[in-house]
Protein backbone atom coordinates (compact mmCIF):
# COMPACT_ATOMS: atom_id res chain seq x y z
CA MET A 1 135.23 71.05 196.76
CA GLU A 2 136.04 67.59 196.91
CA LYS A 3 135.25 67.13 193.14
CA ILE A 4 137.38 70.08 192.41
CA TYR A 5 140.30 68.43 193.99
CA LEU A 6 139.91 65.02 192.41
CA PHE A 7 139.40 66.75 188.97
CA LEU A 8 142.80 68.86 189.67
CA SER A 9 144.75 65.62 190.83
CA LEU A 10 143.59 63.91 187.65
CA MET A 11 144.73 66.59 185.32
CA LEU A 12 148.05 66.75 187.20
CA SER A 13 148.62 63.14 186.91
CA LEU A 14 147.92 63.29 183.14
CA PHE A 15 150.15 66.13 182.70
CA LEU A 16 153.04 64.44 184.64
CA ALA A 17 152.62 61.24 182.56
CA ALA A 18 152.72 63.35 179.39
CA CYS A 19 156.00 65.03 180.45
CA SER A 20 157.57 61.59 181.47
CA SER A 21 156.64 60.09 178.13
CA THR A 22 158.11 63.03 176.37
CA ASN A 23 161.41 63.10 178.39
CA THR A 24 161.73 59.34 177.70
CA HIS A 25 161.41 59.85 174.06
CA MET A 26 164.05 62.63 174.00
CA GLU A 27 166.51 60.67 175.95
CA GLU A 28 166.14 57.87 173.32
CA VAL A 29 166.61 60.23 170.49
CA THR A 30 169.60 61.44 171.74
CA ALA A 31 171.26 58.32 172.66
CA GLU A 32 170.56 56.88 169.18
CA PRO A 33 173.45 58.85 167.30
CA THR A 34 175.95 57.88 169.96
CA ALA A 35 175.10 54.10 169.43
CA LEU A 36 175.17 54.38 165.69
CA ASN A 37 178.64 56.33 165.74
CA ALA A 38 180.20 53.89 168.06
CA THR A 39 179.37 50.79 165.94
CA VAL A 40 181.74 50.49 163.01
CA SER A 41 181.37 47.05 160.76
CA ARG A 42 184.53 45.35 159.57
CA ALA A 43 184.06 46.77 156.20
CA GLU A 44 183.93 50.35 157.40
CA LYS A 45 187.14 50.10 159.63
CA LEU A 46 190.32 52.16 158.52
CA GLY A 47 193.83 52.53 159.64
CA THR A 48 196.62 54.77 158.66
CA LYS A 49 199.56 53.64 156.56
CA TRP A 50 202.87 55.35 155.51
CA GLY A 51 202.03 57.38 152.57
CA ASP A 52 204.59 59.44 150.13
CA GLU A 53 207.73 60.90 151.82
CA LEU A 54 207.48 64.57 152.49
CA ARG A 55 210.09 66.91 153.44
CA SER A 56 209.69 68.18 157.18
CA ASN A 57 212.64 69.58 158.93
CA VAL A 58 212.78 69.62 162.63
CA THR A 59 215.26 70.83 165.42
CA GLU A 60 215.22 69.33 168.90
CA VAL A 61 215.09 71.79 171.59
CA ASN A 62 215.18 71.48 175.39
CA LEU A 63 212.12 73.12 177.13
CA LYS A 64 210.83 72.27 180.59
CA ARG A 65 207.34 71.14 180.98
CA LEU A 66 205.28 73.21 183.57
CA SER A 67 202.91 70.55 184.51
CA SER A 68 203.51 66.80 184.91
CA SER A 69 199.88 66.16 183.65
CA PRO A 70 198.36 67.35 180.36
CA ILE A 71 196.15 70.33 180.53
CA ALA A 72 193.91 69.02 177.56
CA GLU A 73 193.44 65.81 175.66
CA SER A 74 191.27 64.73 172.65
CA GLN A 75 190.37 61.59 170.65
CA VAL A 76 189.03 61.35 167.24
CA ARG A 77 187.75 58.35 165.94
CA TYR A 78 187.54 57.39 162.50
CA ALA A 79 186.20 54.91 159.78
CA SER A 80 184.74 54.99 156.31
CA LYS A 81 181.18 55.63 157.34
CA THR A 82 178.58 58.27 157.47
CA TYR A 83 178.70 59.85 161.11
CA THR A 84 176.09 61.72 162.58
CA GLY A 85 176.36 64.79 165.17
CA LYS A 86 177.02 68.46 165.05
CA ALA A 87 179.59 69.11 162.33
CA VAL A 88 182.56 71.10 163.24
CA ASN A 89 185.83 72.32 161.63
CA SER A 90 188.19 72.32 164.70
CA ILE A 91 188.27 71.17 168.22
CA SER A 92 189.00 73.66 171.02
CA LEU A 93 191.56 72.64 173.54
CA ALA A 94 193.08 74.15 176.80
CA ALA A 95 190.28 76.48 177.29
CA GLY A 96 190.22 77.80 173.74
CA LYS A 97 193.87 78.60 173.70
CA ILE A 98 194.51 75.75 171.21
CA SER A 99 192.42 74.76 168.09
CA PHE A 100 192.93 71.37 166.63
CA SER A 101 191.64 70.28 163.12
CA ILE A 102 192.40 67.40 160.70
CA ILE A 103 192.93 68.81 156.97
CA ASN A 104 193.67 67.31 153.65
CA ASP A 105 196.42 68.02 151.28
CA ALA A 106 194.55 71.29 150.09
CA GLN A 107 194.84 72.55 153.63
CA ARG A 108 191.02 72.52 153.94
CA PRO A 109 189.66 71.10 157.24
CA LEU A 110 187.82 67.75 157.07
CA PRO A 111 184.39 67.80 158.90
CA LEU A 112 184.37 66.35 162.42
CA PHE A 113 181.20 65.26 164.05
CA ARG A 114 180.73 65.90 167.70
CA ASP A 115 178.19 63.57 169.54
CA GLY A 116 178.25 64.33 173.42
CA GLN A 117 182.19 64.34 174.27
CA GLN A 118 183.14 62.25 171.26
CA TYR A 119 184.52 63.32 167.97
CA TYR A 120 184.33 61.32 164.65
CA LEU A 121 185.81 61.58 161.33
CA SER A 122 184.49 59.94 158.02
CA GLY A 123 187.76 58.88 156.12
CA LYS A 124 188.31 57.33 152.62
CA ASP A 125 190.78 54.73 151.64
CA GLY A 126 193.90 56.34 150.11
CA GLN A 127 193.07 59.77 151.28
CA SER A 128 195.92 61.84 153.00
CA TYR A 129 195.38 64.05 155.94
CA GLN A 130 197.45 66.30 158.25
CA LEU A 131 197.02 67.25 161.93
CA LYS A 132 196.85 71.00 162.44
CA TYR A 133 197.26 72.88 165.54
CA GLN A 134 196.81 76.72 166.14
CA ASN A 135 197.84 78.64 169.40
CA HIS A 136 195.90 81.59 170.19
CA SER A 137 197.57 82.56 173.08
CA ASN A 138 200.89 84.04 174.13
CA SER A 139 201.93 80.82 176.00
CA THR A 140 204.16 77.91 174.60
CA PHE A 141 202.73 74.26 174.58
CA GLU A 142 203.95 70.96 173.79
CA VAL A 143 201.53 68.78 171.46
CA VAL A 144 202.15 64.87 172.02
CA ALA A 145 200.01 63.21 169.11
CA SER A 146 199.33 59.60 168.32
CA VAL A 147 197.66 57.78 165.45
CA ASP A 148 196.30 54.25 165.62
CA GLY A 149 198.06 53.96 168.98
CA LEU A 150 201.29 54.89 167.84
CA ASP A 151 203.49 57.80 168.54
CA VAL A 152 203.97 60.00 165.39
CA ILE A 153 207.61 60.87 166.14
CA ASN A 154 209.04 57.72 167.25
CA GLY A 155 206.56 55.18 165.86
CA ARG A 156 206.36 53.25 169.20
CA SER A 157 203.41 52.52 171.43
CA ALA A 158 202.00 56.06 172.20
CA SER A 159 202.40 57.23 175.68
CA ARG A 160 201.35 60.88 177.30
CA SER A 161 204.86 60.88 178.80
CA ASN A 162 206.22 60.92 175.20
CA SER A 163 208.21 63.81 173.89
CA GLY A 164 206.08 66.06 171.29
CA TYR A 165 206.38 69.04 169.06
CA VAL A 166 206.48 72.67 170.41
CA LEU A 167 203.49 74.89 169.58
CA ARG A 168 204.89 78.53 169.71
CA PRO A 169 202.75 81.64 170.90
CA GLN A 170 200.43 82.73 168.21
CA GLY A 171 201.91 79.93 166.31
CA GLU A 172 200.70 76.97 163.94
CA LEU A 173 201.75 73.48 163.91
CA ILE A 174 201.06 71.03 161.03
CA ILE A 175 201.95 67.11 161.64
CA GLU A 176 202.05 65.60 158.10
CA GLY A 177 203.03 62.37 158.91
CA PHE A 178 204.93 59.58 160.91
CA ARG A 179 208.48 61.12 161.41
CA LYS A 180 211.25 59.08 159.46
CA SER A 181 214.07 61.53 160.35
CA ASP A 182 214.95 64.96 161.26
CA SER A 183 214.16 66.27 157.66
CA ALA A 184 211.34 63.82 156.35
CA VAL A 185 208.07 62.19 157.41
CA ALA A 186 205.72 59.53 155.85
CA SER A 187 202.33 61.35 155.09
CA PHE A 188 199.31 60.04 157.06
CA THR A 189 197.25 58.09 154.68
CA PHE A 190 193.87 56.17 155.24
CA SER A 191 193.97 52.58 154.51
CA ARG A 192 192.54 49.16 155.27
CA PRO A 193 193.53 48.09 158.93
CA GLU A 194 195.70 45.26 157.56
CA GLU A 195 197.58 47.87 155.46
CA ALA A 196 197.98 50.23 158.34
CA TYR A 197 201.42 51.16 159.91
CA ALA A 198 200.23 50.05 163.52
CA ALA A 199 199.34 46.45 161.80
CA ASN A 200 202.92 45.84 160.13
CA SER A 201 204.92 47.34 163.15
CA ALA A 202 206.40 45.30 166.11
CA HIS A 203 205.38 48.25 168.30
CA GLY A 204 201.68 48.59 167.04
CA SER A 205 198.41 46.56 166.79
CA ILE A 206 195.65 46.37 164.26
CA GLN A 207 193.29 46.59 167.14
CA ASN A 208 194.28 50.11 167.88
CA THR A 209 193.54 51.36 164.16
CA GLY A 210 191.02 54.19 163.88
CA VAL A 211 191.72 56.63 166.42
CA ILE A 212 193.96 59.86 166.67
CA GLY A 213 194.99 61.16 170.01
CA THR A 214 196.25 64.59 171.33
CA VAL A 215 197.51 65.76 174.75
CA ILE A 216 198.76 69.20 175.40
CA TYR A 217 201.28 70.21 178.09
CA PRO A 218 202.31 73.94 179.05
CA LEU A 219 206.05 74.59 178.45
CA GLU A 220 208.54 77.19 179.74
CA SER A 221 209.21 80.17 177.37
CA ALA A 222 212.88 79.87 176.87
CA THR A 223 215.40 80.21 174.14
CA ALA A 224 215.68 77.09 172.11
CA VAL A 225 218.92 75.25 172.53
CA ASP A 226 219.86 72.75 169.70
CA LYS A 227 220.69 69.10 170.66
CA ALA A 228 222.43 66.50 168.56
CA THR A 229 219.71 64.40 166.54
CA ASP A 230 219.44 60.68 167.06
CA ALA A 231 217.95 58.92 164.24
CA SER A 232 216.86 55.89 166.50
CA LYS A 233 214.04 57.83 168.15
CA TYR A 234 212.00 58.07 164.90
CA ALA A 235 209.69 55.83 163.63
CA PRO A 236 211.44 52.76 161.97
CA PRO A 237 209.95 51.35 158.57
CA PRO A 238 207.06 49.34 158.46
CA LYS A 239 207.28 45.50 158.25
CA ALA A 240 205.19 43.15 156.21
CA PHE A 241 206.03 40.27 158.69
CA PRO A 242 206.67 42.00 162.01
CA ALA A 243 206.71 38.60 163.94
CA ASP A 244 209.71 37.10 161.95
């Protein structure tokens, strides 16, 4: 009986050792894409510059946020490199009520790569892109978006407390660029970091290039009330020598 017990103990030890070795190997394989995706060489870095001027009309409305904290938030890191992970066309936000995608000028989604809780986008210098939000619910939301650490509406340092765009029930919102006025935007265009809007603005920093942020707030459903437009709240033109 003692021999059987010793034999079973030996087999159990070998089995546990094999499982331990397998689990360790799996953990290493899972972690590897994260390290590769998070590392961006100097040559692969990108930013977003002002592209062509596009007509884009907006009307300011007065709607109240139902929550002081965002109900959803996402970040997409982008660079001129090949990312790994699960390829997806859109990101699900607010428990699936909203889908967020990044599209090209032909309105086709650019592939995003999900690695754990992180999302990545492979961009090309000179390529224009747009931010697309689709509301699959009957609720009204506010979308506050940033590119390279700058608010897409006023061009200043991005903050979750800044005003955003209204996303209507069952509606669609496409943000085509940095807003210049109530009737025009400068299209988002991938560029070298030193050419990016953030690197040539007194409110930005080249250190923040390569990231697109989104926060979502629920809004009350009410009749829109037009307000006077203040041109000073839109993004000022980029400066070649912002420190002068």
